[in-house]
C-alpha cells in the first residue's frame, strides 16, 4: 500500500468513525492534499467518474497526535485526476490509478 493510499484510508476511516475529543469534533489533517495552490479534503461522495489526469497532488505531512511520538503521517505525492462534471477548483480525485482514486473537495 502506498503512502498516499494509507493517508487517504486513515482519513476516510476517521471521517466514518468521527474524530472526537471530549464530545466535540477534533480537526484532522489526515488525508489533506494540495493541488494547484488549493487544499482539498476527503469527501464521502460515492458514484463519481474519474476523468483525465491533471498532474500531481501533494499529500500533507500530518501529526494529529503530537503527544504520541512516532505517529506522524509523512507527506508525499499522488496522481490528481479531473472529476467529470466538476470544476477542478471544486473537486479532484487522487490516487495511484483512476480505479483507486478517491474524491477530494476544495476546502
N, C-alpha and C. Protein backbone atom coordinates (compact mmCIF):
# COMPACT_ATOMS: atom_id res chain seq x y z
N UNK A 1 0.85 -1.17 0.00
CA UNK A 1 0.00 0.00 0.00
C UNK A 1 0.90 1.23 0.00
N UNK A 2 0.61 2.16 -0.89
CA UNK A 2 1.43 3.36 -0.98
C UNK A 2 1.10 4.33 0.16
N UNK A 3 2.01 5.27 0.36
CA UNK A 3 1.81 6.27 1.42
C UNK A 3 0.53 7.06 1.17
N UNK A 4 0.31 7.48 -0.05
CA UNK A 4 -0.88 8.28 -0.36
C UNK A 4 -2.15 7.50 -0.06
N UNK A 5 -2.16 6.22 -0.42
CA UNK A 5 -3.34 5.39 -0.16
C UNK A 5 -3.53 5.19 1.34
N UNK A 6 -2.44 5.04 2.08
CA UNK A 6 -2.54 4.92 3.54
C UNK A 6 -3.14 6.19 4.14
N UNK A 7 -2.68 7.34 3.67
CA UNK A 7 -3.19 8.61 4.19
C UNK A 7 -4.68 8.73 3.90
N UNK A 8 -5.08 8.42 2.69
CA UNK A 8 -6.49 8.52 2.35
C UNK A 8 -7.33 7.52 3.13
N UNK A 9 -6.80 6.31 3.34
CA UNK A 9 -7.52 5.31 4.12
C UNK A 9 -7.73 5.79 5.54
N UNK A 10 -6.69 6.32 6.15
CA UNK A 10 -6.81 6.84 7.52
C UNK A 10 -7.83 7.96 7.58
N UNK A 11 -7.79 8.85 6.60
CA UNK A 11 -8.73 9.98 6.59
C UNK A 11 -10.17 9.51 6.45
N UNK A 12 -10.38 8.56 5.56
CA UNK A 12 -11.73 8.06 5.37
C UNK A 12 -12.23 7.33 6.61
N UNK A 13 -11.38 6.54 7.23
CA UNK A 13 -11.78 5.86 8.46
C UNK A 13 -12.08 6.86 9.57
N UNK A 14 -11.29 7.90 9.67
CA UNK A 14 -11.54 8.94 10.67
C UNK A 14 -12.86 9.65 10.41
N UNK A 15 -13.15 9.89 9.15
CA UNK A 15 -14.41 10.57 8.81
C UNK A 15 -15.60 9.69 9.14
N UNK A 16 -15.48 8.39 8.90
CA UNK A 16 -16.57 7.47 9.20
C UNK A 16 -16.74 7.30 10.70
N UNK A 17 -15.64 7.11 11.42
CA UNK A 17 -15.70 6.88 12.86
C UNK A 17 -15.98 8.16 13.62
N UNK A 18 -15.56 9.28 13.06
CA UNK A 18 -15.74 10.57 13.73
C UNK A 18 -14.63 10.81 14.74
N UNK A 19 -13.82 11.80 14.47
CA UNK A 19 -12.75 12.15 15.40
C UNK A 19 -13.34 13.00 16.49
N UNK A 20 -13.33 12.51 17.71
CA UNK A 20 -13.90 13.28 18.80
C UNK A 20 -12.92 13.38 19.94
N UNK A 21 -13.10 14.42 20.70
CA UNK A 21 -12.30 14.65 21.89
C UNK A 21 -13.18 15.35 22.90
N UNK A 22 -13.57 14.63 23.95
CA UNK A 22 -14.43 15.23 24.95
C UNK A 22 -15.80 15.58 24.41
N UNK A 23 -16.28 14.79 23.42
CA UNK A 23 -17.61 15.03 22.88
C UNK A 23 -17.66 16.03 21.75
N UNK A 24 -16.54 16.66 21.43
CA UNK A 24 -16.51 17.63 20.35
C UNK A 24 -15.66 17.10 19.21
N UNK A 25 -15.97 17.51 18.00
CA UNK A 25 -15.18 17.09 16.85
C UNK A 25 -13.79 17.68 16.91
N UNK A 26 -12.81 16.87 16.54
CA UNK A 26 -11.43 17.33 16.51
C UNK A 26 -11.03 17.58 15.06
N UNK A 27 -10.23 18.58 14.83
CA UNK A 27 -9.75 18.88 13.49
C UNK A 27 -8.71 17.85 13.11
N UNK A 28 -8.70 17.45 11.85
CA UNK A 28 -7.76 16.45 11.39
C UNK A 28 -7.07 16.91 10.13
N UNK A 29 -5.78 16.60 10.03
CA UNK A 29 -5.04 16.92 8.83
C UNK A 29 -4.85 15.68 7.96
N UNK A 30 -5.20 14.51 8.46
CA UNK A 30 -5.02 13.27 7.72
C UNK A 30 -5.83 13.29 6.43
N UNK A 31 -5.20 12.94 5.34
CA UNK A 31 -5.88 12.87 4.06
C UNK A 31 -5.90 14.16 3.27
N UNK A 32 -5.41 15.25 3.82
CA UNK A 32 -5.41 16.53 3.14
C UNK A 32 -4.39 16.50 2.01
N UNK A 33 -4.79 17.03 0.83
CA UNK A 33 -3.87 17.15 -0.29
C UNK A 33 -3.90 18.57 -0.81
N UNK A 34 -2.84 18.97 -1.48
CA UNK A 34 -2.81 20.26 -2.16
C UNK A 34 -2.56 20.01 -3.64
N UNK A 35 -3.23 20.82 -4.45
CA UNK A 35 -3.05 20.76 -5.90
C UNK A 35 -3.41 22.13 -6.46
N UNK A 36 -2.57 22.67 -7.30
CA UNK A 36 -2.85 23.96 -7.93
C UNK A 36 -3.12 25.07 -6.93
N UNK A 37 -2.34 25.13 -5.87
CA UNK A 37 -2.48 26.16 -4.83
C UNK A 37 -3.80 26.10 -4.09
N UNK A 38 -4.46 24.93 -4.09
CA UNK A 38 -5.70 24.73 -3.34
C UNK A 38 -5.52 23.56 -2.39
N UNK A 39 -6.28 23.58 -1.31
CA UNK A 39 -6.29 22.48 -0.36
C UNK A 39 -7.57 21.70 -0.55
N UNK A 40 -7.45 20.38 -0.57
CA UNK A 40 -8.60 19.50 -0.76
C UNK A 40 -8.71 18.54 0.42
N UNK A 41 -9.96 18.29 0.81
CA UNK A 41 -10.24 17.37 1.91
C UNK A 41 -10.99 16.16 1.38
N UNK A 42 -10.84 15.00 2.03
CA UNK A 42 -11.57 13.81 1.59
C UNK A 42 -13.08 14.06 1.63
N UNK A 43 -13.76 13.59 0.60
CA UNK A 43 -15.22 13.71 0.51
C UNK A 43 -15.82 12.31 0.57
N UNK A 44 -16.96 12.19 1.17
CA UNK A 44 -17.60 10.89 1.32
C UNK A 44 -18.45 10.48 0.14
N UNK A 45 -18.51 11.33 -0.89
CA UNK A 45 -19.37 11.06 -2.03
C UNK A 45 -18.94 9.79 -2.77
N UNK A 46 -19.93 8.99 -3.11
CA UNK A 46 -19.68 7.77 -3.88
C UNK A 46 -20.40 7.93 -5.22
N UNK A 47 -19.86 7.33 -6.26
CA UNK A 47 -20.52 7.38 -7.55
C UNK A 47 -20.05 8.49 -8.46
N UNK A 48 -18.81 8.92 -8.33
CA UNK A 48 -18.26 9.93 -9.21
C UNK A 48 -17.47 9.24 -10.32
N UNK A 49 -17.21 9.96 -11.41
CA UNK A 49 -16.46 9.40 -12.52
C UNK A 49 -15.13 10.14 -12.65
N UNK A 50 -14.05 9.37 -12.66
CA UNK A 50 -12.71 9.94 -12.78
C UNK A 50 -12.45 10.30 -14.24
N UNK A 51 -11.93 11.50 -14.44
CA UNK A 51 -11.61 11.98 -15.78
C UNK A 51 -10.12 11.89 -16.06
N UNK A 52 -9.62 12.80 -16.88
CA UNK A 52 -8.22 12.78 -17.30
C UNK A 52 -7.29 13.14 -16.14
N UNK A 53 -6.06 12.69 -16.27
CA UNK A 53 -5.05 13.02 -15.27
C UNK A 53 -4.68 14.50 -15.41
N UNK A 54 -4.67 15.19 -14.27
CA UNK A 54 -4.35 16.62 -14.24
C UNK A 54 -2.89 16.88 -13.92
N UNK A 55 -2.30 16.01 -13.11
CA UNK A 55 -0.93 16.22 -12.67
C UNK A 55 -0.68 15.50 -11.36
N UNK A 56 0.10 16.14 -10.49
CA UNK A 56 0.48 15.53 -9.22
C UNK A 56 0.01 16.39 -8.06
N UNK A 57 -0.64 15.75 -7.10
CA UNK A 57 -1.06 16.42 -5.88
C UNK A 57 -0.08 16.03 -4.77
N UNK A 58 0.06 16.92 -3.80
CA UNK A 58 0.94 16.64 -2.66
C UNK A 58 0.11 16.30 -1.44
N UNK A 59 0.48 15.21 -0.77
CA UNK A 59 -0.17 14.87 0.48
C UNK A 59 0.56 15.61 1.59
N UNK A 60 -0.17 16.12 2.54
CA UNK A 60 0.38 16.94 3.59
C UNK A 60 0.86 16.07 4.75
N UNK A 61 2.08 16.37 5.26
CA UNK A 61 2.55 15.67 6.45
C UNK A 61 1.58 15.99 7.58
N UNK A 62 1.25 14.98 8.37
CA UNK A 62 0.21 15.16 9.37
C UNK A 62 0.60 14.55 10.71
N UNK A 63 0.41 15.32 11.77
CA UNK A 63 0.62 14.83 13.13
C UNK A 63 -0.56 15.30 13.97
N UNK A 64 -1.65 14.52 13.94
CA UNK A 64 -2.86 14.86 14.69
C UNK A 64 -2.71 14.58 16.19
N UNK A 65 -1.67 13.84 16.55
CA UNK A 65 -1.49 13.45 17.96
C UNK A 65 -0.07 13.80 18.40
N UNK A 66 0.22 15.08 18.62
CA UNK A 66 1.58 15.48 18.97
C UNK A 66 2.06 14.88 20.29
N UNK A 67 1.15 14.42 21.14
CA UNK A 67 1.55 13.82 22.41
C UNK A 67 1.96 12.36 22.24
N UNK A 68 1.75 11.80 21.04
CA UNK A 68 2.13 10.42 20.76
C UNK A 68 3.23 10.40 19.70
N UNK A 69 4.49 10.31 20.12
CA UNK A 69 5.57 10.32 19.13
C UNK A 69 5.51 9.09 18.22
N UNK A 70 5.95 9.30 16.99
CA UNK A 70 6.03 8.19 16.04
C UNK A 70 4.77 7.92 15.25
N UNK A 71 3.75 8.76 15.38
CA UNK A 71 2.53 8.52 14.61
C UNK A 71 2.29 9.58 13.53
N UNK A 72 3.32 10.32 13.20
CA UNK A 72 3.22 11.31 12.13
C UNK A 72 3.05 10.59 10.80
N UNK A 73 2.09 11.04 10.00
CA UNK A 73 1.90 10.51 8.65
C UNK A 73 2.74 11.38 7.73
N UNK A 74 3.70 10.77 7.02
CA UNK A 74 4.59 11.57 6.18
C UNK A 74 3.87 12.14 4.95
N UNK A 75 4.39 13.25 4.44
CA UNK A 75 3.87 13.83 3.21
C UNK A 75 4.37 13.04 2.01
N UNK A 76 3.82 13.28 0.87
CA UNK A 76 4.24 12.59 -0.35
C UNK A 76 3.51 13.16 -1.54
N UNK A 77 3.44 12.38 -2.59
CA UNK A 77 2.73 12.81 -3.80
C UNK A 77 1.83 11.69 -4.29
N UNK A 78 0.84 12.06 -5.07
CA UNK A 78 -0.09 11.12 -5.67
C UNK A 78 -0.65 11.75 -6.94
N UNK A 79 -1.18 10.96 -7.82
CA UNK A 79 -1.76 11.48 -9.06
C UNK A 79 -3.06 12.21 -8.77
N UNK A 80 -3.29 13.31 -9.50
CA UNK A 80 -4.53 14.07 -9.40
C UNK A 80 -5.30 13.91 -10.71
N UNK A 81 -6.60 13.67 -10.60
CA UNK A 81 -7.45 13.45 -11.77
C UNK A 81 -8.63 14.41 -11.73
N UNK A 82 -9.12 14.75 -12.91
CA UNK A 82 -10.36 15.53 -13.00
C UNK A 82 -11.52 14.64 -12.56
N UNK A 83 -12.59 15.26 -12.12
CA UNK A 83 -13.84 14.57 -11.80
C UNK A 83 -14.86 15.06 -12.82
N UNK A 84 -15.42 14.13 -13.58
CA UNK A 84 -16.36 14.51 -14.64
C UNK A 84 -17.54 15.27 -14.05
N UNK A 85 -17.85 16.41 -14.69
CA UNK A 85 -18.96 17.24 -14.26
C UNK A 85 -18.62 18.20 -13.14
N UNK A 86 -17.37 18.22 -12.69
CA UNK A 86 -16.96 19.13 -11.60
C UNK A 86 -15.75 19.93 -12.06
N UNK A 87 -15.68 21.17 -11.66
CA UNK A 87 -14.54 22.03 -11.93
C UNK A 87 -13.42 21.60 -10.98
N UNK A 88 -12.17 21.47 -11.46
CA UNK A 88 -11.06 21.11 -10.57
C UNK A 88 -10.86 22.09 -9.42
N UNK A 89 -11.38 23.30 -9.53
CA UNK A 89 -11.31 24.24 -8.42
C UNK A 89 -12.25 23.81 -7.28
N UNK A 90 -13.23 22.94 -7.58
CA UNK A 90 -14.17 22.43 -6.59
C UNK A 90 -13.79 21.05 -6.09
N UNK A 91 -13.38 20.17 -7.02
CA UNK A 91 -13.13 18.78 -6.65
C UNK A 91 -12.14 18.13 -7.61
N UNK A 92 -11.35 17.22 -7.07
CA UNK A 92 -10.45 16.38 -7.86
C UNK A 92 -10.54 14.97 -7.28
N UNK A 93 -9.96 14.03 -7.98
CA UNK A 93 -9.81 12.68 -7.46
C UNK A 93 -8.31 12.42 -7.36
N UNK A 94 -7.88 11.71 -6.33
CA UNK A 94 -6.46 11.42 -6.16
C UNK A 94 -6.27 9.94 -5.88
N UNK A 95 -5.15 9.41 -6.38
CA UNK A 95 -4.82 8.01 -6.14
C UNK A 95 -3.75 7.55 -7.09
N UNK A 96 -3.30 6.32 -6.89
CA UNK A 96 -2.24 5.75 -7.72
C UNK A 96 -2.72 5.39 -9.12
N UNK A 97 -4.03 5.25 -9.29
CA UNK A 97 -4.62 4.94 -10.59
C UNK A 97 -6.04 5.49 -10.61
N UNK A 98 -6.65 5.65 -11.79
CA UNK A 98 -8.04 6.11 -11.83
C UNK A 98 -8.98 5.18 -11.04
N UNK A 99 -8.73 3.89 -11.10
CA UNK A 99 -9.60 2.94 -10.40
C UNK A 99 -9.49 3.06 -8.88
N UNK A 100 -8.33 3.50 -8.38
CA UNK A 100 -8.11 3.62 -6.94
C UNK A 100 -8.33 5.03 -6.43
N UNK A 101 -8.69 5.96 -7.31
CA UNK A 101 -8.81 7.37 -6.94
C UNK A 101 -9.98 7.62 -5.99
N UNK A 102 -9.76 8.56 -5.05
CA UNK A 102 -10.76 8.96 -4.08
C UNK A 102 -11.14 10.43 -4.33
N UNK A 103 -12.39 10.74 -4.09
CA UNK A 103 -12.89 12.09 -4.31
C UNK A 103 -12.40 13.03 -3.21
N UNK A 104 -11.92 14.21 -3.62
CA UNK A 104 -11.48 15.24 -2.71
C UNK A 104 -12.17 16.53 -3.10
N UNK A 105 -12.62 17.31 -2.10
CA UNK A 105 -13.28 18.58 -2.39
C UNK A 105 -12.47 19.73 -1.82
N UNK A 106 -12.49 20.84 -2.54
CA UNK A 106 -11.74 22.03 -2.12
C UNK A 106 -12.23 22.51 -0.76
N UNK A 107 -11.26 22.93 0.04
CA UNK A 107 -11.56 23.43 1.39
C UNK A 107 -12.12 24.82 1.32
